Amino acid sequence: MLRTTLRQIEVFVATAQKGSVTQAAAAIGMTQSAASMALADFESQLGTRLFDRVGKRLSLNDDGRALYAQAVEMIERAHEMEQLFRKDGRAVDLRLAASSTIGNYLLPQLIGRFREQRPGSRIELDVGNTRHVMQKVLAFEVDVGFVEGPCMDADIEAIFWRADELAICARPDSPLARPGAATPEALREAGWILRERGSGTREVVEQLLTSQLGDIKLAMDLGGSEAIKRAVEAGIGISCLPKLALQGAIERGNLVMLDTPFLTLTRSFHILLHRQKYRTEAVQSLLAFCQA
């Protein structure tokens, strides 16, 4: 008869995600001693060590990595079994990660509407750049990722979600804001303010601009769209940002979108899923909702 318990597997997964038994115990509501004992019993039953100690941190070894994806799936299936018997039958618990444009300007409204269909649902949203989201998906720390940049990792399935439009913005009193002033030559000579490297917007914007304009002059790079808008408003340079992010500043008259009919400024949003991750009913429902 199997002696391994779901609690032992839960301790193993939490330790892998947190890097220490102490933090894992706190995350799943156990004492440190009970979590240590559960992990030791689990390793004893398997007949192998699952972690290497790197300084004060526990890191999965080869055996641990081989087990991790299946262990995560078992815990998620157990949670799904519990949810089948909840009175409302509809509440879900999901962890999402999104790159900044999607996380700040698009997902909050979608999550709100999704929760209207799933009363009592608990949804966590972690916002970072595209590289951060990919790392979260690869580590099984989130259920679904949303990015505006390319993703070529073999362990991640990138599903096309929707197209997004970008625009070049400047201060209303910028010389480039005059009719006909935003020529390709003028844009090449302007100072540009772009997102930090690792951002999906930065990668797409650089590819779009350099392929159509040639080399551009970088004046500054910043870690978010809000900071970039403030820098453009201050007259430091111009930028290329999602129209979603520019809407409020345009309406307030702080920025204008330059007329650039000679440029194609569109990109694709993608939904990321780990190929080995079990897709619960909650994940499938969220995907269907977003794609609808």
Protein backbone atom coordinates (compact mmCIF):
# COMPACT_ATOMS: atom_id res chain seq x y z
CA MET A 1 0.00 0.00 0.00
CA LEU A 2 1.26 3.48 -0.85
CA ARG A 3 2.37 5.43 2.23
CA THR A 4 2.98 8.76 0.47
CA THR A 5 0.46 11.45 1.42
CA LEU A 6 -0.73 14.50 -0.47
CA ARG A 7 0.57 16.59 2.43
CA GLN A 8 4.09 15.26 1.85
CA ILE A 9 3.82 16.07 -1.84
CA GLU A 10 2.49 19.54 -0.99
CA VAL A 11 5.52 20.13 1.27
CA PHE A 12 7.84 18.99 -1.52
CA VAL A 13 6.23 21.35 -4.08
CA ALA A 14 6.18 24.30 -1.68
CA THR A 15 9.84 23.74 -0.74
CA ALA A 16 10.82 23.63 -4.40
CA GLN A 17 8.98 26.91 -5.03
CA LYS A 18 10.16 28.75 -1.90
CA GLY A 19 13.70 27.38 -1.62
CA SER A 20 13.44 26.60 2.09
CA VAL A 21 11.39 24.37 4.38
CA THR A 22 10.71 27.27 6.73
CA GLN A 23 9.13 29.41 4.00
CA ALA A 24 7.30 26.40 2.57
CA ALA A 25 5.80 25.60 5.96
CA ALA A 26 4.57 29.17 6.38
CA ALA A 27 3.02 29.15 2.90
CA ILE A 28 0.96 26.00 3.48
CA GLY A 29 0.12 26.52 7.16
CA MET A 30 2.42 23.98 8.85
CA THR A 31 5.06 24.21 11.53
CA GLN A 32 8.66 24.07 10.37
CA SER A 33 9.30 20.83 12.25
CA ALA A 34 6.22 19.12 10.79
CA ALA A 35 7.17 20.19 7.26
CA SER A 36 10.76 18.97 7.74
CA MET A 37 9.52 15.62 8.99
CA ALA A 38 7.07 15.28 6.07
CA LEU A 39 9.81 16.02 3.55
CA ALA A 40 12.24 13.61 5.21
CA ASP A 41 9.60 10.85 5.23
CA PHE A 42 8.83 11.52 1.57
CA GLU A 43 12.49 11.24 0.56
CA SER A 44 12.88 8.11 2.69
CA GLN A 45 9.91 6.45 0.97
CA LEU A 46 11.32 7.31 -2.45
CA GLY A 47 14.82 6.22 -1.45
CA THR A 48 16.50 9.34 -2.79
CA ARG A 49 17.34 12.94 -1.93
CA LEU A 50 15.33 15.52 -3.88
CA PHE A 51 17.24 18.70 -3.04
CA ASP A 52 20.78 20.06 -3.02
CA ARG A 53 21.70 22.61 -0.37
CA VAL A 54 23.18 25.76 -1.92
CA GLY A 55 24.15 28.01 0.97
CA LYS A 56 20.95 28.42 2.98
CA ARG A 57 18.76 27.61 0.01
CA LEU A 58 17.38 24.25 -1.10
CA SER A 59 17.54 23.64 -4.85
CA LEU A 60 16.00 20.72 -6.75
CA ASN A 61 18.51 18.11 -7.91
CA ASP A 62 18.04 15.81 -10.93
CA ASP A 63 15.64 13.49 -9.11
CA GLY A 64 13.68 16.41 -7.71
CA ARG A 65 13.30 18.03 -11.12
CA ALA A 66 12.14 14.71 -12.60
CA LEU A 67 9.38 14.51 -9.97
CA TYR A 68 8.36 18.16 -9.76
CA ALA A 69 5.94 18.48 -12.69
CA GLN A 70 4.01 15.34 -11.68
CA ALA A 71 3.88 16.49 -8.06
CA VAL A 72 2.45 19.88 -9.08
CA GLU A 73 -0.16 18.14 -11.22
CA MET A 74 -1.19 15.89 -8.32
CA ILE A 75 -1.68 18.87 -6.00
CA GLU A 76 -3.70 20.72 -8.64
CA ARG A 77 -5.88 17.68 -9.28
CA ALA A 78 -6.48 17.39 -5.53
CA HIS A 79 -7.55 21.06 -5.39
CA GLU A 80 -9.85 20.46 -8.33
CA MET A 81 -11.42 17.49 -6.51
CA GLU A 82 -12.07 19.69 -3.48
CA GLN A 83 -13.70 22.38 -5.62
CA LEU A 84 -16.13 19.84 -7.10
CA PHE A 85 -17.89 19.67 -3.76
CA ARG A 86 -17.97 23.34 -2.82
CA LYS A 87 -21.48 24.65 -2.38
CA ASP A 88 -21.23 27.24 -5.13
CA GLY A 89 -19.44 24.77 -7.41
CA ARG A 90 -17.95 27.66 -9.39
CA ALA A 91 -15.26 29.41 -7.35
CA VAL A 92 -11.70 28.91 -8.60
CA ASP A 93 -8.20 29.70 -7.37
CA LEU A 94 -5.83 30.85 -10.12
CA ARG A 95 -2.35 32.38 -10.26
CA LEU A 96 -1.60 34.55 -13.26
CA ALA A 97 1.43 36.49 -14.46
CA ALA A 98 1.35 39.18 -17.12
CA SER A 99 3.75 41.58 -18.77
CA SER A 100 3.12 45.18 -17.84
CA THR A 101 0.87 46.45 -20.63
CA ILE A 102 -1.49 43.48 -20.32
CA GLY A 103 -1.29 43.36 -16.52
CA ASN A 104 -1.87 47.08 -15.99
CA TYR A 105 -4.29 48.01 -18.75
CA LEU A 106 -6.13 44.89 -19.94
CA LEU A 107 -6.33 42.02 -17.45
CA PRO A 108 -7.86 43.83 -14.43
CA GLN A 109 -11.13 44.41 -16.31
CA LEU A 110 -11.12 40.89 -17.74
CA ILE A 111 -10.51 39.39 -14.30
CA GLY A 112 -13.37 41.45 -12.91
CA ARG A 113 -15.77 40.15 -15.54
CA PHE A 114 -14.50 36.57 -15.11
CA ARG A 115 -15.12 36.77 -11.34
CA GLU A 116 -18.69 37.90 -12.02
CA GLN A 117 -19.19 34.52 -13.68
CA ARG A 118 -17.29 32.73 -10.89
CA PRO A 119 -18.41 34.33 -7.60
CA GLY A 120 -15.98 33.88 -4.73
CA SER A 121 -13.00 33.15 -6.99
CA ARG A 122 -9.50 34.07 -5.80
CA ILE A 123 -7.18 35.24 -8.58
CA GLU A 124 -3.60 36.42 -8.03
CA LEU A 125 -1.90 38.58 -10.68
CA ASP A 126 1.87 39.07 -10.83
CA VAL A 127 2.97 41.86 -13.19
CA GLY A 128 6.50 42.03 -14.63
CA ASN A 129 8.25 42.01 -17.97
CA THR A 130 8.03 39.20 -20.52
CA ARG A 131 11.15 37.45 -19.24
CA HIS A 132 9.73 37.48 -15.69
CA VAL A 133 6.46 35.95 -16.87
CA MET A 134 8.27 33.20 -18.78
CA GLN A 135 10.32 32.33 -15.69
CA LYS A 136 7.15 32.08 -13.59
CA VAL A 137 5.53 29.76 -16.13
CA LEU A 138 8.63 27.58 -16.42
CA ALA A 139 8.86 27.25 -12.63
CA PHE A 140 5.15 26.27 -12.34
CA GLU A 141 4.69 29.29 -10.04
CA VAL A 142 1.69 30.50 -12.06
CA ASP A 143 -1.08 28.75 -13.93
CA VAL A 144 -1.21 31.02 -16.97
CA GLY A 145 1.05 33.74 -18.38
CA PHE A 146 0.16 36.65 -20.66
CA VAL A 147 2.88 38.42 -22.66
CA GLU A 148 3.30 41.00 -25.39
CA GLY A 149 6.72 39.75 -26.46
CA PRO A 150 7.89 36.67 -28.36
CA CYS A 151 8.36 33.38 -26.53
CA MET A 152 10.44 30.65 -28.14
CA ASP A 153 11.04 28.34 -25.17
CA ALA A 154 10.45 24.69 -26.09
CA ASP A 155 8.76 23.96 -22.73
CA ILE A 156 6.15 26.71 -23.18
CA GLU A 157 3.13 26.69 -25.46
CA ALA A 158 2.48 30.23 -26.73
CA ILE A 159 -1.12 30.67 -27.91
CA PHE A 160 -1.98 33.72 -30.03
CA TRP A 161 -4.47 35.84 -28.12
CA ARG A 162 -5.08 39.18 -29.83
CA ALA A 163 -3.42 41.93 -31.85
CA ASP A 164 -2.33 45.18 -30.22
CA GLU A 165 -1.64 48.59 -31.75
CA LEU A 166 1.28 50.84 -30.85
CA ALA A 167 1.74 54.55 -31.49
CA ILE A 168 4.58 57.06 -31.39
CA CYS A 169 3.93 59.76 -28.80
CA ALA A 170 5.36 63.19 -28.04
CA ARG A 171 4.56 66.36 -26.09
CA PRO A 172 1.84 68.50 -27.71
CA ASP A 173 4.37 71.33 -28.22
CA SER A 174 7.03 69.08 -29.77
CA PRO A 175 8.18 70.15 -33.26
CA LEU A 176 7.37 66.60 -34.38
CA ALA A 177 3.71 67.16 -33.44
CA ARG A 178 3.24 69.68 -36.27
CA PRO A 179 1.38 68.30 -39.31
CA GLY A 180 3.76 66.49 -41.64
CA ALA A 181 6.78 66.96 -39.33
CA ALA A 182 7.09 63.34 -38.22
CA THR A 183 9.00 62.15 -41.28
CA PRO A 184 11.22 59.05 -41.23
CA GLU A 185 14.29 61.30 -41.25
CA ALA A 186 13.01 63.37 -38.31
CA LEU A 187 12.18 60.24 -36.30
CA ARG A 188 15.66 58.82 -36.87
CA GLU A 189 17.19 62.03 -35.49
CA ALA A 190 14.90 62.21 -32.44
CA GLY A 191 15.85 60.97 -28.97
CA TRP A 192 13.91 57.83 -28.06
CA ILE A 193 12.78 56.62 -24.63
CA LEU A 194 12.17 52.87 -24.55
CA ARG A 195 11.34 50.13 -22.05
CA GLU A 196 14.13 48.19 -20.33
CA ARG A 197 15.72 45.19 -22.03
CA GLY A 198 13.77 42.01 -21.26
CA SER A 199 10.48 43.83 -21.78
CA GLY A 200 8.25 42.47 -24.52
CA THR A 201 7.41 46.01 -25.59
CA ARG A 202 11.13 46.87 -25.91
CA GLU A 203 11.89 43.85 -28.10
CA VAL A 204 8.90 44.41 -30.37
CA VAL A 205 9.39 48.17 -30.64
CA GLU A 206 13.09 47.85 -31.48
CA GLN A 207 12.32 45.25 -34.14
CA LEU A 208 9.47 47.30 -35.64
CA LEU A 209 11.30 50.63 -35.62
CA THR A 210 14.71 49.46 -36.83
CA SER A 211 13.18 47.35 -39.60
CA GLN A 212 11.25 50.37 -40.92
CA LEU A 213 13.37 53.38 -39.91
CA GLY A 214 16.89 52.00 -39.54
CA ASP A 215 19.02 52.92 -36.52
CA ILE A 216 17.40 55.23 -33.97
CA LYS A 217 18.97 57.26 -31.16
CA LEU A 218 18.27 55.98 -27.63
CA ALA A 219 18.02 58.81 -25.09
CA MET A 220 16.88 56.74 -22.10
CA ASP A 221 15.42 53.39 -21.11
CA LEU A 222 12.98 53.04 -18.22
CA GLY A 223 11.24 50.23 -16.39
CA GLY A 224 7.60 50.96 -17.16
CA SER A 225 5.14 52.72 -19.44
CA GLU A 226 4.09 55.23 -16.76
CA ALA A 227 7.69 56.36 -16.24
CA ILE A 228 8.19 56.65 -20.00
CA LYS A 229 5.07 58.82 -20.38
CA ARG A 230 6.34 61.16 -17.65
CA ALA A 231 9.72 61.40 -19.38
CA VAL A 232 8.05 62.22 -22.72
CA GLU A 233 5.87 64.82 -21.00
CA ALA A 234 9.07 66.33 -19.56
CA GLY A 235 10.47 66.77 -23.08
CA ILE A 236 13.30 64.24 -22.79
CA GLY A 237 12.33 62.52 -26.03
CA ILE A 238 9.65 60.57 -27.87
CA SER A 239 8.52 56.99 -27.45
CA CYS A 240 6.52 54.18 -28.99
CA LEU A 241 3.94 52.75 -26.58
CA PRO A 242 0.74 50.69 -26.71
CA LYS A 243 -2.35 52.76 -27.45
CA LEU A 244 -3.90 51.11 -24.40
CA ALA A 245 -1.27 52.78 -22.23
CA LEU A 246 -1.54 56.17 -23.96
CA GLN A 247 -5.31 56.62 -23.83
CA GLY A 248 -5.51 58.52 -20.52
CA ALA A 249 -2.59 60.86 -21.27
CA ILE A 250 -4.02 61.65 -24.72
CA GLU A 251 -7.44 62.44 -23.27
CA ARG A 252 -5.87 64.78 -20.68
CA GLY A 253 -3.89 66.57 -23.37
CA ASN A 254 -0.50 65.66 -21.89
CA LEU A 255 0.63 63.70 -24.96
CA VAL A 256 -0.23 63.41 -28.62
CA MET A 257 0.10 60.51 -31.05
CA LEU A 258 2.21 61.37 -34.07
CA ASP A 259 0.82 60.78 -37.55
CA THR A 260 3.03 58.04 -39.03
CA PRO A 261 1.08 56.35 -41.85
CA PHE A 262 4.37 55.06 -43.30
CA LEU A 263 4.92 52.81 -40.26
CA THR A 264 3.21 49.53 -39.35
CA LEU A 265 3.04 49.39 -35.56
CA THR A 266 1.18 46.25 -34.51
CA ARG A 267 2.18 43.26 -32.40
CA SER A 268 0.62 40.12 -30.95
CA PHE A 269 -0.34 39.24 -27.40
CA HIS A 270 0.16 35.59 -26.40
CA ILE A 271 -1.06 33.31 -23.62
CA LEU A 272 1.65 31.08 -22.15
CA LEU A 273 1.16 27.60 -20.69
CA HIS A 274 3.77 25.09 -19.57
CA ARG A 275 3.53 22.06 -21.84
CA GLN A 276 3.72 19.66 -18.88
CA LYS A 277 1.17 21.50 -16.76
CA TYR A 278 -2.18 19.84 -16.13
CA ARG A 279 -4.94 22.12 -17.39
CA THR A 280 -7.60 22.21 -14.74
CA GLU A 281 -11.21 23.10 -15.46
CA ALA A 282 -10.46 26.55 -14.03
CA VAL A 283 -7.56 27.12 -16.45
CA GLN A 284 -9.61 25.91 -19.42
CA SER A 285 -12.49 28.19 -18.41
CA LEU A 286 -10.21 31.21 -18.15
CA LEU A 287 -8.68 30.47 -21.57
CA ALA A 288 -12.11 30.15 -23.15
CA PHE A 289 -13.23 33.40 -21.50
CA CYS A 290 -10.18 35.35 -22.69
CA GLN A 291 -10.34 33.98 -26.22
CA ALA A 292 -14.05 34.75 -26.47
